[in-house]
Amino acid sequence: MNIRLLVLDIDGTILDETNCIRDSVAQAILSAQRRGVAVALATGRLYQSSLHAYDSIGSMAPLICYEGALIREPKTGFVHRHWAIEPQVAAQMLDYSERQSPSGCLSVHFYIQDNLYVSNMNDASIKYFEGSKVVPVVSDLRRLLHRATTKVMVVSDDGEVIAQLASQLNDSYSRTQISRHKSITVLEAFHPEVSKRSAVSYLAEEIMKLRPENVMAVGDHFTDIEMLQYAGIGVAMGNAPAAVKASADWVTTTIEEDGVARAIEKWILRYPV
């Protein structure tokens, strides 16, 4: 094997529910780095909320966050790529929210330069941010439509209204995903080219001049599937859903059973330098 780049998801892959990296995983990552393997993170998190994990593993590679919408160098602040959502998509989501939710049952969120602006703090938003260190700013979002917005999110307790909004968005102008969080329905919208796969391929091929067979990726979520399929070695965590496991070349153990450490030992450390 000639793995030169190891790409890791954060939540459910290297960080457990206590937001900590297990010692065996940290040691395995360090051993891979000592062999000359670059270790990068690819996450759906905001840039600032990814830095703790980035620093914990001693990464020197660019950081991929917002599901691949932003690739940035934490050491210098240099931005390799930022794919912002089209302004007309953000405007359409605001229009829909105002038509369907005059009482405020929908809350629209704009992520701009790692700051979060919200149309209103409804019950769903309050629940969504419970326990989070992110401090949202209530603002007139129409005044921000000219800004480069990394992600637009809509949250509500009404899943049907969210599904209707998703069906109206044009796939050629945005990439959307719906999820559930704390019994809240969440719709996230990105630039149509945004994905962890596109970000990892850009990092590997354009920045590091590597090929897919030089990449190993580990993840546990549906948003990791394309990244695992791109990599020469795609590893699914044991705690991943069945569809994620089916997309991988190999399935490791769960995060509680040091799955990342086992994957590194099998695919990187067992081979001579």
C-alpha atoms as a PDB file:
ATOM      1  CA  MET A   1       0.000   0.000   0.000  1.00  0.00           C
ATOM      2  CA  ASN A   2       1.150   3.519  -0.734  1.00  0.00           C
ATOM      3  CA  ILE A   3      -1.166   5.646   1.406  1.00  0.00           C
ATOM      4  CA  ARG A   4       0.143   9.211   1.574  1.00  0.00           C
ATOM      5  CA  LEU A   5      -3.010  10.962   2.799  1.00  0.00           C
ATOM      6  CA  LEU A   6      -5.365   9.832   5.568  1.00  0.00           C
ATOM      7  CA  VAL A   7      -8.683  11.716   5.709  1.00  0.00           C
ATOM      8  CA  LEU A   8     -10.830  11.401   8.818  1.00  0.00           C
ATOM      9  CA  ASP A   9     -14.352  12.483   9.639  1.00  0.00           C
ATOM     10  CA  ILE A  10     -14.709  13.982  13.132  1.00  0.00           C
ATOM     11  CA  ASP A  11     -17.995  13.194  14.904  1.00  0.00           C
ATOM     12  CA  GLY A  12     -18.607   9.490  15.362  1.00  0.00           C
ATOM     13  CA  THR A  13     -15.219   8.699  13.823  1.00  0.00           C
ATOM     14  CA  ILE A  14     -12.483  10.247  15.977  1.00  0.00           C
ATOM     15  CA  LEU A  15     -14.573  12.229  18.484  1.00  0.00           C
ATOM     16  CA  ASP A  16     -16.957  10.383  20.774  1.00  0.00           C
ATOM     17  CA  GLU A  17     -19.995  11.831  22.559  1.00  0.00           C
ATOM     18  CA  THR A  18     -17.731  13.465  25.144  1.00  0.00           C
ATOM     19  CA  ASN A  19     -15.928  15.364  22.354  1.00  0.00           C
ATOM     20  CA  CYS A  20     -12.681  13.542  23.115  1.00  0.00           C
ATOM     21  CA  ILE A  21     -10.223  11.475  21.088  1.00  0.00           C
ATOM     22  CA  ARG A  22      -9.271   8.152  22.650  1.00  0.00           C
ATOM     23  CA  ASP A  23      -5.577   7.775  23.468  1.00  0.00           C
ATOM     24  CA  SER A  24      -5.105   4.735  21.228  1.00  0.00           C
ATOM     25  CA  VAL A  25      -6.578   6.614  18.263  1.00  0.00           C
ATOM     26  CA  ALA A  26      -4.385   9.660  18.873  1.00  0.00           C
ATOM     27  CA  GLN A  27      -1.328   7.420  19.104  1.00  0.00           C
ATOM     28  CA  ALA A  28      -2.178   5.588  15.879  1.00  0.00           C
ATOM     29  CA  ILE A  29      -2.634   8.906  14.057  1.00  0.00           C
ATOM     30  CA  LEU A  30       0.742  10.102  15.371  1.00  0.00           C
ATOM     31  CA  SER A  31       2.372   6.873  14.197  1.00  0.00           C
ATOM     32  CA  ALA A  32       0.934   7.370  10.707  1.00  0.00           C
ATOM     33  CA  GLN A  33       2.239  10.946  10.624  1.00  0.00           C
ATOM     34  CA  ARG A  34       5.702   9.772  11.677  1.00  0.00           C
ATOM     35  CA  ARG A  35       5.676   7.525   8.616  1.00  0.00           C
ATOM     36  CA  GLY A  36       5.134  10.546   6.422  1.00  0.00           C
ATOM     37  CA  VAL A  37       1.377  10.162   5.975  1.00  0.00           C
ATOM     38  CA  ALA A  38      -0.462  13.488   5.972  1.00  0.00           C
ATOM     39  CA  VAL A  39      -3.617  13.427   8.128  1.00  0.00           C
ATOM     40  CA  ALA A  40      -6.529  15.703   7.235  1.00  0.00           C
ATOM     41  CA  LEU A  41     -10.009  16.208   8.653  1.00  0.00           C
ATOM     42  CA  ALA A  42     -13.193  16.388   6.568  1.00  0.00           C
ATOM     43  CA  THR A  43     -16.245  17.398   8.556  1.00  0.00           C
ATOM     44  CA  GLY A  44     -19.656  19.000   8.383  1.00  0.00           C
ATOM     45  CA  ARG A  45     -18.728  21.205  11.312  1.00  0.00           C
ATOM     46  CA  LEU A  46     -18.079  24.927  11.171  1.00  0.00           C
ATOM     47  CA  TYR A  47     -14.451  25.954  10.784  1.00  0.00           C
ATOM     48  CA  GLN A  48     -14.014  27.232  14.357  1.00  0.00           C
ATOM     49  CA  SER A  49     -15.693  24.219  15.938  1.00  0.00           C
ATOM     50  CA  SER A  50     -13.359  21.916  13.988  1.00  0.00           C
ATOM     51  CA  LEU A  51     -10.140  23.437  15.328  1.00  0.00           C
ATOM     52  CA  HIS A  52     -10.170  21.528  18.633  1.00  0.00           C
ATOM     53  CA  ALA A  53     -10.055  18.183  16.826  1.00  0.00           C
ATOM     54  CA  TYR A  54      -7.557  19.549  14.283  1.00  0.00           C
ATOM     55  CA  ASP A  55      -5.156  20.630  17.020  1.00  0.00           C
ATOM     56  CA  SER A  56      -5.717  17.423  19.004  1.00  0.00           C
ATOM     57  CA  ILE A  57      -4.314  15.254  16.210  1.00  0.00           C
ATOM     58  CA  GLY A  58      -1.537  17.673  15.300  1.00  0.00           C
ATOM     59  CA  SER A  59      -2.653  17.964  11.704  1.00  0.00           C
ATOM     60  CA  MET A  60      -0.617  20.107   9.309  1.00  0.00           C
ATOM     61  CA  ALA A  61      -2.917  19.584   6.321  1.00  0.00           C
ATOM     62  CA  PRO A  62      -5.621  21.976   5.131  1.00  0.00           C
ATOM     63  CA  LEU A  63      -8.902  21.619   7.026  1.00  0.00           C
ATOM     64  CA  ILE A  64     -12.048  20.572   5.144  1.00  0.00           C
ATOM     65  CA  CYS A  65     -15.248  21.748   6.815  1.00  0.00           C
ATOM     66  CA  TYR A  66     -18.891  22.574   6.003  1.00  0.00           C
ATOM     67  CA  GLU A  67     -19.162  19.190   4.209  1.00  0.00           C
ATOM     68  CA  GLY A  68     -16.447  20.328   1.809  1.00  0.00           C
ATOM     69  CA  ALA A  69     -17.611  23.881   1.088  1.00  0.00           C
ATOM     70  CA  LEU A  70     -14.478  25.350   2.693  1.00  0.00           C
ATOM     71  CA  ILE A  71     -10.833  24.223   2.555  1.00  0.00           C
ATOM     72  CA  ARG A  72      -8.655  26.426   4.730  1.00  0.00           C
ATOM     73  CA  GLU A  73      -5.153  26.388   6.263  1.00  0.00           C
ATOM     74  CA  PRO A  74      -5.540  26.875  10.033  1.00  0.00           C
ATOM     75  CA  LYS A  75      -1.871  27.797  10.422  1.00  0.00           C
ATOM     76  CA  THR A  76      -1.995  30.703   7.969  1.00  0.00           C
ATOM     77  CA  GLY A  77      -5.693  31.333   7.334  1.00  0.00           C
ATOM     78  CA  PHE A  78      -5.180  30.807   3.602  1.00  0.00           C
ATOM     79  CA  VAL A  79      -8.352  29.657   1.827  1.00  0.00           C
ATOM     80  CA  HIS A  80      -7.745  27.095  -0.905  1.00  0.00           C
ATOM     81  CA  ARG A  81     -11.380  26.921  -1.932  1.00  0.00           C
ATOM     82  CA  HIS A  82     -14.701  28.332  -0.792  1.00  0.00           C
ATOM     83  CA  TRP A  83     -17.875  27.393  -2.619  1.00  0.00           C
ATOM     84  CA  ALA A  84     -20.628  29.759  -1.487  1.00  0.00           C
ATOM     85  CA  ILE A  85     -24.298  29.100  -2.145  1.00  0.00           C
ATOM     86  CA  GLU A  86     -25.983  30.977  -4.976  1.00  0.00           C
ATOM     87  CA  PRO A  87     -27.776  34.148  -3.687  1.00  0.00           C
ATOM     88  CA  GLN A  88     -30.992  33.217  -5.533  1.00  0.00           C
ATOM     89  CA  VAL A  89     -31.186  29.957  -3.564  1.00  0.00           C
ATOM     90  CA  ALA A  90     -30.844  31.806  -0.262  1.00  0.00           C
ATOM     91  CA  ALA A  91     -33.505  34.292  -1.395  1.00  0.00           C
ATOM     92  CA  GLN A  92     -35.842  31.473  -2.434  1.00  0.00           C
ATOM     93  CA  MET A  93     -35.515  29.847   0.977  1.00  0.00           C
ATOM     94  CA  LEU A  94     -36.303  33.140   2.665  1.00  0.00           C
ATOM     95  CA  ASP A  95     -39.333  33.672   0.406  1.00  0.00           C
ATOM     96  CA  TYR A  96     -40.687  30.224   1.200  1.00  0.00           C
ATOM     97  CA  SER A  97     -40.142  30.698   4.917  1.00  0.00           C
ATOM     98  CA  GLU A  98     -42.025  33.974   4.938  1.00  0.00           C
ATOM     99  CA  ARG A  99     -44.945  32.580   2.895  1.00  0.00           C
ATOM    100  CA  GLN A 100     -45.318  29.327   4.811  1.00  0.00           C
ATOM    101  CA  SER A 101     -44.357  30.556   8.223  1.00  0.00           C
ATOM    102  CA  PRO A 102     -45.669  34.032   9.029  1.00  0.00           C
ATOM    103  CA  SER A 103     -45.899  32.897  12.654  1.00  0.00           C
ATOM    104  CA  GLY A 104     -42.225  31.923  12.700  1.00  0.00           C
ATOM    105  CA  CYS A 105     -42.427  28.113  12.791  1.00  0.00           C
ATOM    106  CA  LEU A 106     -39.540  28.096  10.286  1.00  0.00           C
ATOM    107  CA  SER A 107     -36.167  29.588  11.155  1.00  0.00           C
ATOM    108  CA  VAL A 108     -33.612  30.343   8.419  1.00  0.00           C
ATOM    109  CA  HIS A 109     -29.887  30.346   9.248  1.00  0.00           C
ATOM    110  CA  PHE A 110     -27.092  31.915   7.169  1.00  0.00           C
ATOM    111  CA  TYR A 111     -23.481  30.822   7.786  1.00  0.00           C
ATOM    112  CA  ILE A 112     -21.210  33.672   6.675  1.00  0.00           C
ATOM    113  CA  GLN A 113     -17.460  33.695   7.422  1.00  0.00           C
ATOM    114  CA  ASP A 114     -18.078  31.252  10.266  1.00  0.00           C
ATOM    115  CA  ASN A 115     -20.650  33.574  11.861  1.00  0.00           C
ATOM    116  CA  LEU A 116     -24.266  32.471  12.184  1.00  0.00           C
ATOM    117  CA  TYR A 117     -27.177  34.794  11.423  1.00  0.00           C
ATOM    118  CA  VAL A 118     -30.770  33.645  12.004  1.00  0.00           C
ATOM    119  CA  SER A 119     -34.109  35.060  10.902  1.00  0.00           C
ATOM    120  CA  ASN A 120     -35.727  34.279  14.253  1.00  0.00           C
ATOM    121  CA  MET A 121     -35.195  32.110  17.313  1.00  0.00           C
ATOM    122  CA  ASN A 122     -38.216  29.816  17.220  1.00  0.00           C
ATOM    123  CA  ASP A 123     -38.692  26.777  19.458  1.00  0.00           C
ATOM    124  CA  ALA A 124     -36.830  24.550  17.013  1.00  0.00           C
ATOM    125  CA  SER A 125     -33.827  26.893  16.922  1.00  0.00           C
ATOM    126  CA  ILE A 126     -33.712  27.138  20.691  1.00  0.00           C
ATOM    127  CA  LYS A 127     -33.662  23.344  20.955  1.00  0.00           C
ATOM    128  CA  TYR A 128     -31.111  23.053  18.162  1.00  0.00           C
ATOM    129  CA  PHE A 129     -28.601  25.319  19.913  1.00  0.00           C
ATOM    130  CA  GLU A 130     -29.001  23.824  23.397  1.00  0.00           C
ATOM    131  CA  GLY A 131     -25.536  22.866  24.639  1.00  0.00           C
ATOM    132  CA  SER A 132     -23.816  24.484  21.649  1.00  0.00           C
ATOM    133  CA  LYS A 133     -21.074  27.094  21.913  1.00  0.00           C
ATOM    134  CA  VAL A 134     -22.275  28.732  18.696  1.00  0.00           C
ATOM    135  CA  VAL A 135     -23.901  32.100  19.385  1.00  0.00           C
ATOM    136  CA  PRO A 136     -26.435  33.020  16.665  1.00  0.00           C
ATOM    137  CA  VAL A 137     -27.253  36.622  15.774  1.00  0.00           C
ATOM    138  CA  VAL A 138     -30.883  37.461  14.975  1.00  0.00           C
ATOM    139  CA  SER A 139     -30.796  39.606  11.857  1.00  0.00           C
ATOM    140  CA  ASP A 140     -32.648  40.748   8.737  1.00  0.00           C
ATOM    141  CA  LEU A 141     -31.224  38.117   6.405  1.00  0.00           C
ATOM    142  CA  ARG A 142     -32.280  39.938   3.235  1.00  0.00           C
ATOM    143  CA  ARG A 143     -29.640  42.536   4.008  1.00  0.00           C
ATOM    144  CA  LEU A 144     -27.046  39.749   3.896  1.00  0.00           C
ATOM    145  CA  LEU A 145     -27.947  38.237   0.525  1.00  0.00           C
ATOM    146  CA  HIS A 146     -24.996  39.986  -1.130  1.00  0.00           C
ATOM    147  CA  ARG A 147     -22.538  38.254   1.239  1.00  0.00           C
ATOM    148  CA  ALA A 148     -20.758  34.989   0.409  1.00  0.00           C
ATOM    149  CA  THR A 149     -22.861  32.485   2.367  1.00  0.00           C
ATOM    150  CA  THR A 150     -21.300  29.074   2.945  1.00  0.00           C
ATOM    151  CA  LYS A 151     -24.484  27.301   4.013  1.00  0.00           C
ATOM    152  CA  VAL A 152     -28.169  28.055   4.452  1.00  0.00           C
ATOM    153  CA  MET A 153     -30.097  25.989   6.958  1.00  0.00           C
ATOM    154  CA  VAL A 154     -33.799  25.884   7.817  1.00  0.00           C
ATOM    155  CA  VAL A 155     -35.020  24.279  11.046  1.00  0.00           C
ATOM    156  CA  SER A 156     -38.540  23.461  12.169  1.00  0.00           C
ATOM    157  CA  ASP A 157     -40.618  21.097  14.266  1.00  0.00           C
ATOM    158  CA  ASP A 158     -42.748  20.549  11.135  1.00  0.00           C
ATOM    159  CA  GLY A 159     -40.977  18.005   8.938  1.00  0.00           C
ATOM    160  CA  GLU A 160     -43.595  18.159   6.180  1.00  0.00           C
ATOM    161  CA  VAL A 161     -43.054  21.877   5.597  1.00  0.00           C
ATOM    162  CA  ILE A 162     -39.296  21.286   5.392  1.00  0.00           C
ATOM    163  CA  ALA A 163     -39.796  18.470   2.873  1.00  0.00           C
ATOM    164  CA  GLN A 164     -41.959  20.729   0.695  1.00  0.00           C
ATOM    165  CA  LEU A 165     -39.233  23.379   0.681  1.00  0.00           C
ATOM    166  CA  ALA A 166     -36.612  20.814  -0.339  1.00  0.00           C
ATOM    167  CA  SER A 167     -38.768  19.645  -3.250  1.00  0.00           C
ATOM    168  CA  GLN A 168     -38.965  23.203  -4.614  1.00  0.00           C
ATOM    169  CA  LEU A 169     -35.225  23.834  -4.671  1.00  0.00           C
ATOM    170  CA  ASN A 170     -33.520  23.325  -8.037  1.00  0.00           C
ATOM    171  CA  ASP A 171     -30.768  20.702  -7.833  1.00  0.00           C
ATOM    172  CA  SER A 172     -28.734  22.579 -10.433  1.00  0.00           C
ATOM    173  CA  TYR A 173     -28.408  25.549  -8.077  1.00  0.00           C
ATOM    174  CA  SER A 174     -28.038  23.810  -4.709  1.00  0.00           C
ATOM    175  CA  ARG A 175     -27.253  20.562  -2.970  1.00  0.00           C
ATOM    176  CA  THR A 176     -29.580  19.817  -0.077  1.00  0.00           C
ATOM    177  CA  GLN A 177     -29.825  17.276   2.699  1.00  0.00           C
ATOM    178  CA  ILE A 178     -32.482  16.715   5.346  1.00  0.00           C
ATOM    179  CA  SER A 179     -31.690  15.292   8.764  1.00  0.00           C
ATOM    180  CA  ARG A 180     -33.191  14.973  12.215  1.00  0.00           C
ATOM    181  CA  HIS A 181     -31.534  16.476  15.275  1.00  0.00           C
ATOM    182  CA  LYS A 182     -33.062  16.469  18.765  1.00  0.00           C
ATOM    183  CA  SER A 183     -36.494  15.726  17.198  1.00  0.00           C
ATOM    184  CA  ILE A 184     -36.029  18.788  14.925  1.00  0.00           C
ATOM    185  CA  THR A 185     -36.108  18.586  11.131  1.00  0.00           C
ATOM    186  CA  VAL A 186     -33.114  20.313   9.534  1.00  0.00           C
ATOM    187  CA  LEU A 187     -32.637  21.241   5.880  1.00  0.00           C
ATOM    188  CA  GLU A 188     -29.119  22.209   4.813  1.00  0.00           C
ATOM    189  CA  ALA A 189     -28.372  23.760   1.432  1.00  0.00           C
ATOM    190  CA  PHE A 190     -24.951  24.163  -0.170  1.00  0.00           C
ATOM    191  CA  HIS A 191     -23.463  25.073  -3.534  1.00  0.00           C
ATOM    192  CA  PRO A 192     -24.306  22.176  -5.900  1.00  0.00           C
ATOM    193  CA  GLU A 193     -20.654  21.100  -6.235  1.00  0.00           C
ATOM    194  CA  VAL A 194     -20.096  20.794  -2.490  1.00  0.00           C
ATOM    195  CA  SER A 195     -19.310  17.346  -1.092  1.00  0.00           C
ATOM    196  CA  LYS A 196     -16.602  15.723   0.945  1.00  0.00           C
ATOM    197  CA  ARG A 197     -15.610  13.773  -2.170  1.00  0.00           C
ATOM    198  CA  SER A 198     -14.988  16.898  -4.240  1.00  0.00           C
ATOM    199  CA  ALA A 199     -13.056  18.493  -1.376  1.00  0.00           C
ATOM    200  CA  VAL A 200     -10.898  15.430  -0.732  1.00  0.00           C
ATOM    201  CA  SER A 201     -10.141  14.998  -4.432  1.00  0.00           C
ATOM    202  CA  TYR A 202      -9.182  18.700  -4.612  1.00  0.00           C
ATOM    203  CA  LEU A 203      -6.918  18.343  -1.576  1.00  0.00           C
ATOM    204  CA  ALA A 204      -5.313  15.154  -2.860  1.00  0.00           C
ATOM    205  CA  GLU A 205      -4.952  15.897  -6.562  1.00  0.00           C
ATOM    206  CA  GLU A 206      -4.715  19.688  -6.838  1.00  0.00           C
ATOM    207  CA  ILE A 207      -2.926  20.603  -3.615  1.00  0.00           C
ATOM    208  CA  MET A 208      -0.883  17.486  -2.779  1.00  0.00           C
ATOM    209  CA  LYS A 209      -0.490  16.081  -6.317  1.00  0.00           C
ATOM    210  CA  LEU A 210      -1.615  12.602  -5.261  1.00  0.00           C
ATOM    211  CA  ARG A 211      -3.901  10.042  -6.861  1.00  0.00           C
ATOM    212  CA  PRO A 212      -6.994   8.391  -5.332  1.00  0.00           C
ATOM    213  CA  GLU A 213      -5.026   5.198  -4.633  1.00  0.00           C
ATOM    214  CA  ASN A 214      -2.777   7.245  -2.332  1.00  0.00           C
ATOM    215  CA  VAL A 215      -5.757   8.217  -0.158  1.00  0.00           C
ATOM    216  CA  MET A 216      -7.400   6.415   2.737  1.00  0.00           C
ATOM    217  CA  ALA A 217     -10.626   7.840   4.178  1.00  0.00           C
ATOM    218  CA  VAL A 218     -12.585   6.889   7.301  1.00  0.00           C
ATOM    219  CA  GLY A 219     -16.146   7.956   8.110  1.00  0.00           C
ATOM    220  CA  ASP A 220     -19.413   6.967   9.730  1.00  0.00           C
ATOM    221  CA  HIS A 221     -22.169   9.063   8.123  1.00  0.00           C
ATOM    222  CA  PHE A 222     -24.146   9.201   4.880  1.00  0.00           C
ATOM    223  CA  THR A 223     -22.253  12.360   3.900  1.00  0.00           C
ATOM    224  CA  ASP A 224     -19.051  10.283   3.993  1.00  0.00           C
ATOM    225  CA  ILE A 225     -20.173   7.751   1.372  1.00  0.00           C
ATOM    226  CA  GLU A 226     -18.840   9.585  -1.700  1.00  0.00           C
ATOM    227  CA  MET A 227     -15.552  10.284   0.085  1.00  0.00           C
ATOM    228  CA  LEU A 228     -15.138   6.593   0.945  1.00  0.00           C
ATOM    229  CA  GLN A 229     -15.881   5.606  -2.646  1.00  0.00           C
ATOM    230  CA  TYR A 230     -13.293   8.077  -3.971  1.00  0.00           C
ATOM    231  CA  ALA A 231     -10.443   6.926  -1.740  1.00  0.00           C
ATOM    232  CA  GLY A 232      -8.206   4.024  -2.670  1.00  0.00           C
ATOM    233  CA  ILE A 233      -9.115   2.598   0.739  1.00  0.00           C
ATOM    234  CA  GLY A 234     -12.503   3.638   2.110  1.00  0.00           C
ATOM    235  CA  VAL A 235     -13.169   2.539   5.680  1.00  0.00           C
ATOM    236  CA  ALA A 236     -16.549   2.685   7.407  1.00  0.00           C
ATOM    237  CA  MET A 237     -16.823   2.788  11.179  1.00  0.00           C
ATOM    238  CA  GLY A 238     -18.535  -0.091  12.941  1.00  0.00           C
ATOM    239  CA  ASN A 239     -21.129   2.377  14.256  1.00  0.00           C
ATOM    240  CA  ALA A 240     -22.011   3.547  10.711  1.00  0.00           C
ATOM    241  CA  PRO A 241     -25.401   2.842   9.055  1.00  0.00           C
ATOM    242  CA  ALA A 242     -25.626  -0.156   6.718  1.00  0.00           C
ATOM    243  CA  ALA A 243     -25.529   2.007   3.566  1.00  0.00           C
ATOM    244  CA  VAL A 244     -22.245   3.579   4.649  1.00  0.00           C
ATOM    245  CA  LYS A 245     -20.722   0.180   5.395  1.00  0.00           C
ATOM    246  CA  ALA A 246     -21.853  -1.116   2.002  1.00  0.00           C
ATOM    247  CA  SER A 247     -19.995   1.731   0.262  1.00  0.00           C
ATOM    248  CA  ALA A 248     -16.686   0.988   1.984  1.00  0.00           C
ATOM    249  CA  ASP A 249     -13.778  -1.295   1.106  1.00  0.00           C
ATOM    250  CA  TRP A 250     -13.490  -2.364   4.711  1.00  0.00           C
ATOM    251  CA  VAL A 251     -15.479  -1.962   7.941  1.00  0.00           C
ATOM    252  CA  THR A 252     -13.608  -1.369  11.172  1.00  0.00           C
ATOM    253  CA  THR A 253     -14.879  -1.522  14.738  1.00  0.00           C
ATOM    254  CA  THR A 254     -16.944   1.148  16.494  1.00  0.00           C
ATOM    255  CA  ILE A 255     -15.601   4.389  17.891  1.00  0.00           C
ATOM    256  CA  GLU A 256     -15.813   2.881  21.395  1.00  0.00           C
ATOM    257  CA  GLU A 257     -13.639   0.013  20.148  1.00  0.00           C
ATOM    258  CA  ASP A 258     -10.965   2.294  18.678  1.00  0.00           C
ATOM    259  CA  GLY A 259     -12.087   1.775  15.089  1.00  0.00           C
ATOM    260  CA  VAL A 260      -9.778   4.405  13.567  1.00  0.00           C
ATOM    261  CA  ALA A 261      -6.746   2.962  15.357  1.00  0.00           C
ATOM    262  CA  ARG A 262      -7.552  -0.513  14.043  1.00  0.00           C
ATOM    263  CA  ALA A 263      -7.933   0.818  10.509  1.00  0.00           C
ATOM    264  CA  ILE A 264      -4.603   2.645  10.645  1.00  0.00           C
ATOM    265  CA  GLU A 265      -2.870  -0.456  11.987  1.00  0.00           C
ATOM    266  CA  LYS A 266      -4.322  -2.641   9.231  1.00  0.00           C
ATOM    267  CA  TRP A 267      -3.840  -0.399   6.211  1.00  0.00           C
ATOM    268  CA  ILE A 268      -0.850   1.794   7.104  1.00  0.00           C
ATOM    269  CA  LEU A 269       1.269   0.583  10.026  1.00  0.00           C
ATOM    270  CA  ARG A 270       1.484  -3.075   9.015  1.00  0.00           C
ATOM    271  CA  TYR A 271       3.304  -2.194   5.792  1.00  0.00           C
ATOM    272  CA  PRO A 272       7.026  -1.368   5.769  1.00  0.00           C
ATOM    273  CA  VAL A 273       8.036   2.218   5.113  1.00  0.00           C
END
